[in-house]
Amino acid sequence: MSTSRRSFIKHGVSAASVGLLSGAIAAPSCGGPSLPADPDIRILLSGLLLYRFNGTTNCDVDIPKDNDGSPHSDHLFSIVVKAREGTKPPYTLWRHFHDLENLVLDGDGMNEGVSKYTPTTGSFLREARNDDSDWKWMLRLNEFHDPEPHINDSNVFKVLQVRNGLFYTALRTNRDRTRVAFTRGGSTDEYPLHTVGSAVGANIYLRRGGSASLRGSGINLEMPKGDDVRYEIYFEYDPPAPDQPSEDGTPSHFYDYYYAMYPQPAEPCQVFYYDIRPQHVREREKATPDVPCMGLEAGG
């Protein structure tokens, strides 16, 4: 890794980290009957992250570069791996807050490769009461542009490749407290998004006697299956103190994804979050899980 390239990591822990590490989104909010429980390894990802699936072979998790090709100065990177034995508190196996690229997470899963949890049959409507963990709550680039713009590999930091796991929505916006909408081009006309995924989960279910590994520069961590051992991986690229949804609308970081596209669409979109709670509730509840920095699936 070049030492001349400016770090895309700033030391510290983001506001979202507090929620992740405290277990605030350590499980899907409502697992459907076909989402297997009790994974051996649970990965939780949040922030400005691109998800690109190569069929069922793997999922690349990339970070878009800024418009000048540099890292985003207003985001913090962190990855923490923890182990949990029975009912004991989890303990840290590894953590990292610096430059990190080309990590590979693989495992001897009961099912080979990667897949998406999509239990909703028929058309998926964001205004409907679908399974909370359905992957389709996550924003997809083809929802905004048809044909879908091309992601230029030279405009992203290739941070993590997941080669085994079931992907799902770990956290989504609460429609009773937050309204989500987007605009197109220079227009002020808004189009409702209703509910969007704000954090991703990926579960790995190991075969008996199997193991998972996290490999990369400076890391070669083995996570063997155990009857009473579970692993948790927290992967974040969030602002340290994200703007919360406001009554007048808070712009998200969605626009930053366009710096990874070439050519860029003629009419880029922007996503806004609106706080629709009563004022007295808003004053009492300052923090919400509806942080305006969401993942985006591209090319999937």
Protein backbone atom coordinates (compact mmCIF):
# COMPACT_ATOMS: atom_id res chain seq x y z
CA MET A 1 0.00 0.00 0.00
CA SER A 2 1.41 3.36 -0.95
CA THR A 3 2.42 5.54 1.96
CA SER A 4 2.08 8.68 -0.17
CA ARG A 5 -1.70 8.30 -0.51
CA ARG A 6 -3.60 10.19 2.15
CA SER A 7 -5.18 7.94 4.73
CA PHE A 8 -8.92 7.37 4.38
CA ILE A 9 -8.96 6.59 8.08
CA LYS A 10 -9.11 9.12 10.85
CA HIS A 11 -8.47 7.91 14.35
CA GLY A 12 -11.47 7.73 16.59
CA VAL A 13 -14.81 6.02 16.95
CA SER A 14 -17.87 7.22 15.07
CA ALA A 15 -21.25 7.88 16.59
CA ALA A 16 -22.56 4.83 14.76
CA SER A 17 -19.81 2.77 16.38
CA VAL A 18 -21.34 3.38 19.76
CA GLY A 19 -24.59 1.79 18.61
CA LEU A 20 -22.89 -1.10 16.84
CA LEU A 21 -20.46 -1.96 19.61
CA SER A 22 -23.15 -1.74 22.27
CA GLY A 23 -25.14 -4.34 20.35
CA ALA A 24 -27.85 -1.89 19.29
CA ILE A 25 -28.07 -3.55 15.90
CA ALA A 26 -26.45 -6.84 16.78
CA ALA A 27 -29.38 -8.77 15.33
CA PRO A 28 -31.97 -8.30 12.60
CA SER A 29 -34.97 -6.40 13.92
CA CYS A 30 -37.40 -9.08 12.82
CA GLY A 31 -36.04 -12.24 11.30
CA GLY A 32 -38.38 -14.01 8.95
CA PRO A 33 -39.00 -17.73 9.32
CA SER A 34 -36.51 -18.54 6.56
CA LEU A 35 -33.65 -16.48 8.01
CA PRO A 36 -31.71 -19.12 9.96
CA ALA A 37 -31.03 -18.18 13.54
CA ASP A 38 -27.81 -18.45 15.54
CA PRO A 39 -25.09 -17.87 12.93
CA ASP A 40 -21.53 -18.78 13.82
CA ILE A 41 -20.35 -15.42 12.47
CA ARG A 42 -22.39 -12.23 12.23
CA ILE A 43 -20.99 -9.35 10.17
CA LEU A 44 -22.52 -5.89 10.64
CA LEU A 45 -21.69 -3.16 8.13
CA SER A 46 -22.75 0.48 8.10
CA GLY A 47 -21.91 3.74 6.38
CA LEU A 48 -20.87 4.90 2.92
CA LEU A 49 -20.29 1.43 1.44
CA LEU A 50 -20.88 0.02 -2.04
CA TYR A 51 -22.03 -3.60 -2.26
CA ARG A 52 -21.26 -5.36 -5.55
CA PHE A 53 -22.23 -9.01 -5.91
CA ASN A 54 -20.38 -11.23 -8.36
CA GLY A 55 -23.25 -13.67 -8.75
CA THR A 56 -23.08 -16.05 -5.79
CA THR A 57 -19.27 -16.16 -5.80
CA ASN A 58 -18.57 -13.14 -3.59
CA CYS A 59 -19.63 -9.65 -2.56
CA ASP A 60 -17.16 -6.78 -2.85
CA VAL A 61 -17.58 -4.05 -0.23
CA ASP A 62 -15.99 -0.86 -1.58
CA ILE A 63 -15.57 2.72 -0.39
CA PRO A 64 -16.13 5.44 -3.05
CA LYS A 65 -13.33 7.98 -3.40
CA ASP A 66 -13.97 11.71 -3.14
CA ASN A 67 -14.24 13.86 -6.27
CA ASP A 68 -10.48 14.44 -6.33
CA GLY A 69 -9.66 10.76 -5.86
CA SER A 70 -8.81 11.16 -2.19
CA PRO A 71 -10.53 9.64 0.85
CA HIS A 72 -13.58 11.32 2.35
CA SER A 73 -12.28 13.56 5.13
CA ASP A 74 -15.59 13.51 7.03
CA HIS A 75 -15.81 9.73 7.56
CA LEU A 76 -14.17 7.36 10.03
CA PHE A 77 -13.22 3.76 9.29
CA SER A 78 -13.19 1.00 11.88
CA ILE A 79 -13.29 -2.79 11.94
CA VAL A 80 -13.60 -4.80 15.15
CA VAL A 81 -13.73 -8.58 15.52
CA LYS A 82 -15.14 -10.02 18.74
CA ALA A 83 -15.75 -13.52 20.09
CA ARG A 84 -18.50 -14.54 22.47
CA GLU A 85 -18.49 -17.73 24.55
CA GLY A 86 -21.89 -18.74 25.86
CA THR A 87 -23.41 -16.01 27.99
CA LYS A 88 -20.08 -14.36 28.78
CA PRO A 89 -19.45 -10.80 27.55
CA PRO A 90 -17.75 -10.63 24.14
CA TYR A 91 -14.01 -10.01 23.99
CA THR A 92 -11.99 -8.39 21.20
CA LEU A 93 -9.85 -10.55 18.90
CA TRP A 94 -8.71 -7.76 16.57
CA ARG A 95 -9.42 -4.13 15.80
CA HIS A 96 -8.17 -1.68 13.21
CA PHE A 97 -8.61 2.06 12.58
CA HIS A 98 -6.03 2.68 9.83
CA ASP A 99 -5.61 2.25 6.07
CA LEU A 100 -6.86 -1.16 5.10
CA GLU A 101 -7.61 -2.62 1.68
CA ASN A 102 -8.12 -6.00 0.04
CA LEU A 103 -9.36 -7.91 3.09
CA VAL A 104 -10.88 -11.30 2.31
CA LEU A 105 -13.47 -13.00 4.54
CA ASP A 106 -14.14 -16.64 3.69
CA GLY A 107 -15.65 -19.60 5.48
CA ASP A 108 -16.58 -23.27 5.29
CA GLY A 109 -20.27 -22.45 5.12
CA MET A 110 -23.09 -24.96 4.99
CA ASN A 111 -24.02 -23.19 1.74
CA GLU A 112 -21.31 -22.18 -0.70
CA GLY A 113 -20.79 -18.58 -1.79
CA VAL A 114 -22.97 -15.59 -0.95
CA SER A 115 -26.71 -15.01 -1.18
CA LYS A 116 -29.33 -12.39 -0.31
CA TYR A 117 -32.23 -12.86 2.09
CA THR A 118 -35.27 -11.93 -0.06
CA PRO A 119 -38.38 -13.61 1.40
CA THR A 120 -40.90 -11.14 -0.06
CA THR A 121 -42.75 -12.70 -2.97
CA GLY A 122 -43.91 -10.65 -5.94
CA SER A 123 -43.10 -6.94 -6.25
CA PHE A 124 -41.24 -5.35 -3.34
CA LEU A 125 -42.95 -2.12 -2.27
CA ARG A 126 -41.10 0.17 0.11
CA GLU A 127 -44.39 1.48 1.49
CA ALA A 128 -45.53 -2.04 2.43
CA ARG A 129 -44.95 -3.89 5.72
CA ASN A 130 -42.43 -6.41 4.40
CA ASP A 131 -40.07 -8.59 6.42
CA ASP A 132 -37.80 -6.24 8.36
CA SER A 133 -34.69 -8.18 7.33
CA ASP A 134 -35.39 -8.39 3.58
CA TRP A 135 -32.27 -7.37 1.63
CA LYS A 136 -34.44 -5.29 -0.72
CA TRP A 137 -34.80 -2.54 1.90
CA MET A 138 -31.24 -1.57 0.94
CA LEU A 139 -30.98 1.11 -1.74
CA ARG A 140 -30.09 -0.14 -5.21
CA LEU A 141 -28.51 2.00 -7.90
CA ASN A 142 -30.96 0.76 -10.55
CA GLU A 143 -33.81 2.26 -8.50
CA PHE A 144 -32.49 5.70 -9.47
CA HIS A 145 -31.00 5.19 -12.94
CA ASP A 146 -31.90 2.98 -15.90
CA PRO A 147 -29.58 1.93 -17.38
CA GLU A 148 -27.47 1.64 -14.26
CA PRO A 149 -24.26 3.74 -14.33
CA HIS A 150 -20.90 1.97 -14.37
CA ILE A 151 -18.79 1.87 -11.21
CA ASN A 152 -15.16 2.61 -12.09
CA ASP A 153 -12.83 0.39 -10.08
CA SER A 154 -10.19 3.13 -10.06
CA ASN A 155 -12.65 5.40 -8.23
CA VAL A 156 -13.17 3.11 -5.23
CA PHE A 157 -11.07 1.69 -2.41
CA LYS A 158 -11.51 -2.09 -2.54
CA VAL A 159 -11.68 -2.81 1.16
CA LEU A 160 -13.41 -6.14 1.79
CA GLN A 161 -14.43 -9.18 -0.23
CA VAL A 162 -16.92 -11.54 1.43
CA ARG A 163 -16.91 -15.04 -0.08
CA ASN A 164 -19.46 -16.75 2.13
CA GLY A 165 -22.57 -15.49 3.88
CA LEU A 166 -26.27 -14.63 3.78
CA PHE A 167 -26.80 -10.86 3.36
CA TYR A 168 -29.82 -9.08 4.84
CA THR A 169 -31.00 -5.71 6.17
CA ALA A 170 -29.86 -5.42 9.78
CA LEU A 171 -31.46 -2.03 10.41
CA ARG A 172 -33.90 0.12 8.48
CA THR A 173 -35.38 3.57 8.94
CA ASN A 174 -38.46 3.91 11.10
CA ARG A 175 -41.30 5.32 9.00
CA ASP A 176 -43.06 6.55 12.15
CA ARG A 177 -40.21 8.95 12.96
CA THR A 178 -38.43 9.55 9.66
CA ARG A 179 -39.63 10.28 6.12
CA VAL A 180 -37.17 9.49 3.32
CA ALA A 181 -37.37 10.95 -0.18
CA PHE A 182 -35.10 11.75 -3.13
CA THR A 183 -34.76 14.47 -5.76
CA ARG A 184 -33.44 14.17 -9.31
CA GLY A 185 -31.08 16.58 -11.08
CA GLY A 186 -31.66 20.20 -10.13
CA SER A 187 -35.36 19.70 -9.47
CA THR A 188 -36.92 20.22 -6.05
CA ASP A 189 -39.64 17.66 -6.81
CA GLU A 190 -39.45 14.81 -4.31
CA TYR A 191 -40.10 11.12 -4.80
CA PRO A 192 -40.87 9.05 -1.70
CA LEU A 193 -38.62 6.18 -0.63
CA HIS A 194 -40.68 5.44 2.48
CA THR A 195 -38.27 3.04 4.24
CA VAL A 196 -34.62 2.31 3.44
CA GLY A 197 -32.01 -0.01 4.91
CA SER A 198 -29.39 1.78 7.00
CA ALA A 199 -27.16 -1.14 8.05
CA VAL A 200 -26.29 -4.48 6.49
CA GLY A 201 -25.92 -7.87 8.13
CA ALA A 202 -24.25 -10.97 6.74
CA ASN A 203 -24.46 -14.32 8.54
CA ILE A 204 -22.07 -17.23 8.10
CA TYR A 205 -23.28 -20.67 9.16
CA LEU A 206 -20.24 -22.95 9.36
CA ARG A 207 -20.23 -26.66 8.66
CA ARG A 208 -19.34 -28.98 11.54
CA GLY A 209 -15.59 -28.84 11.94
CA GLY A 210 -15.45 -25.80 9.64
CA SER A 211 -13.71 -22.49 10.09
CA ALA A 212 -13.75 -18.94 8.73
CA SER A 213 -10.80 -16.66 8.10
CA LEU A 214 -10.18 -12.93 7.75
CA ARG A 215 -7.04 -12.32 5.71
CA GLY A 216 -5.18 -9.28 4.49
CA SER A 217 -2.12 -7.15 5.07
CA GLY A 218 -1.15 -7.64 8.72
CA ILE A 219 -4.09 -9.93 9.55
CA ASN A 220 -4.64 -13.68 9.27
CA LEU A 221 -7.37 -14.46 11.76
CA GLU A 222 -8.93 -17.92 12.00
CA MET A 223 -12.39 -18.34 13.51
CA PRO A 224 -13.07 -22.07 14.04
CA LYS A 225 -16.57 -23.35 14.69
CA GLY A 226 -17.28 -24.13 18.33
CA ASP A 227 -20.38 -25.43 20.07
CA ASP A 228 -20.50 -22.43 22.37
CA VAL A 229 -18.50 -19.80 20.45
CA ARG A 230 -19.88 -17.08 18.18
CA TYR A 231 -18.03 -14.31 16.34
CA GLU A 232 -19.09 -10.73 15.58
CA ILE A 233 -17.44 -8.47 13.00
CA TYR A 234 -18.28 -4.74 13.01
CA PHE A 235 -17.31 -2.90 9.84
CA GLU A 236 -18.06 0.84 9.60
CA TYR A 237 -17.37 3.88 7.45
CA ASP A 238 -19.45 6.62 9.01
CA PRO A 239 -19.15 10.31 9.90
CA PRO A 240 -17.97 10.81 13.51
CA ALA A 241 -21.04 12.91 14.35
CA PRO A 242 -23.66 12.44 11.61
CA ASP A 243 -26.36 15.04 11.06
CA GLN A 244 -29.65 13.72 12.36
CA PRO A 245 -32.87 13.95 10.32
CA SER A 246 -34.41 17.41 10.64
CA GLU A 247 -37.90 18.80 10.19
CA ASP A 248 -36.79 20.70 7.06
CA GLY A 249 -34.89 17.75 5.60
CA THR A 250 -31.29 16.63 6.07
CA PRO A 251 -29.30 15.71 2.95
CA SER A 252 -27.73 12.28 3.05
CA HIS A 253 -24.29 11.27 1.78
CA PHE A 254 -25.87 9.54 -1.22
CA TYR A 255 -24.36 12.05 -3.64
CA ASP A 256 -20.86 10.87 -2.72
CA TYR A 257 -21.50 7.62 -4.59
CA TYR A 258 -21.50 9.51 -7.90
CA TYR A 259 -17.77 10.13 -7.60
CA ALA A 260 -17.30 6.38 -8.15
CA MET A 261 -19.30 6.40 -11.41
CA TYR A 262 -17.94 7.01 -14.88
CA PRO A 263 -19.40 8.61 -16.78
CA GLN A 264 -21.52 10.32 -14.17
CA PRO A 265 -25.27 10.49 -14.90
CA ALA A 266 -26.58 13.76 -16.31
CA GLU A 267 -29.20 13.95 -13.54
CA PRO A 268 -27.71 12.77 -10.23
CA CYS A 269 -30.08 12.14 -7.35
CA GLN A 270 -29.95 13.09 -3.69
CA VAL A 271 -31.67 11.46 -0.72
CA PHE A 272 -33.16 13.50 2.14
CA TYR A 273 -34.28 12.50 5.64
CA TYR A 274 -37.14 14.32 7.38
CA ASP A 275 -37.90 14.09 11.10
CA ILE A 276 -41.68 13.74 11.36
CA ARG A 277 -41.90 13.19 15.12
CA PRO A 278 -43.74 15.67 17.35
CA GLN A 279 -41.48 18.43 18.68
CA HIS A 280 -41.69 17.27 22.31
CA VAL A 281 -40.57 13.77 21.30
CA ARG A 282 -37.80 15.14 19.10
CA GLU A 283 -36.37 17.15 21.98
CA ARG A 284 -36.34 14.09 24.21
CA GLU A 285 -34.87 11.67 21.67
CA LYS A 286 -31.84 13.30 20.12
CA ALA A 287 -30.24 10.20 18.65
CA THR A 288 -31.92 7.92 16.12
CA PRO A 289 -30.71 4.93 14.09
CA ASP A 290 -31.73 6.80 10.94
CA VAL A 291 -28.25 8.21 10.30
CA PRO A 292 -28.13 9.81 6.80
CA CYS A 293 -25.31 7.59 5.55
CA MET A 294 -26.58 4.41 3.93
CA GLY A 295 -25.17 1.55 1.88
CA LEU A 296 -25.87 1.14 -1.84
CA GLU A 297 -26.01 -1.99 -3.98
CA ALA A 298 -24.59 -1.56 -7.47
CA GLY A 299 -24.50 -4.00 -10.36
CA GLY A 300 -26.49 -6.61 -8.46
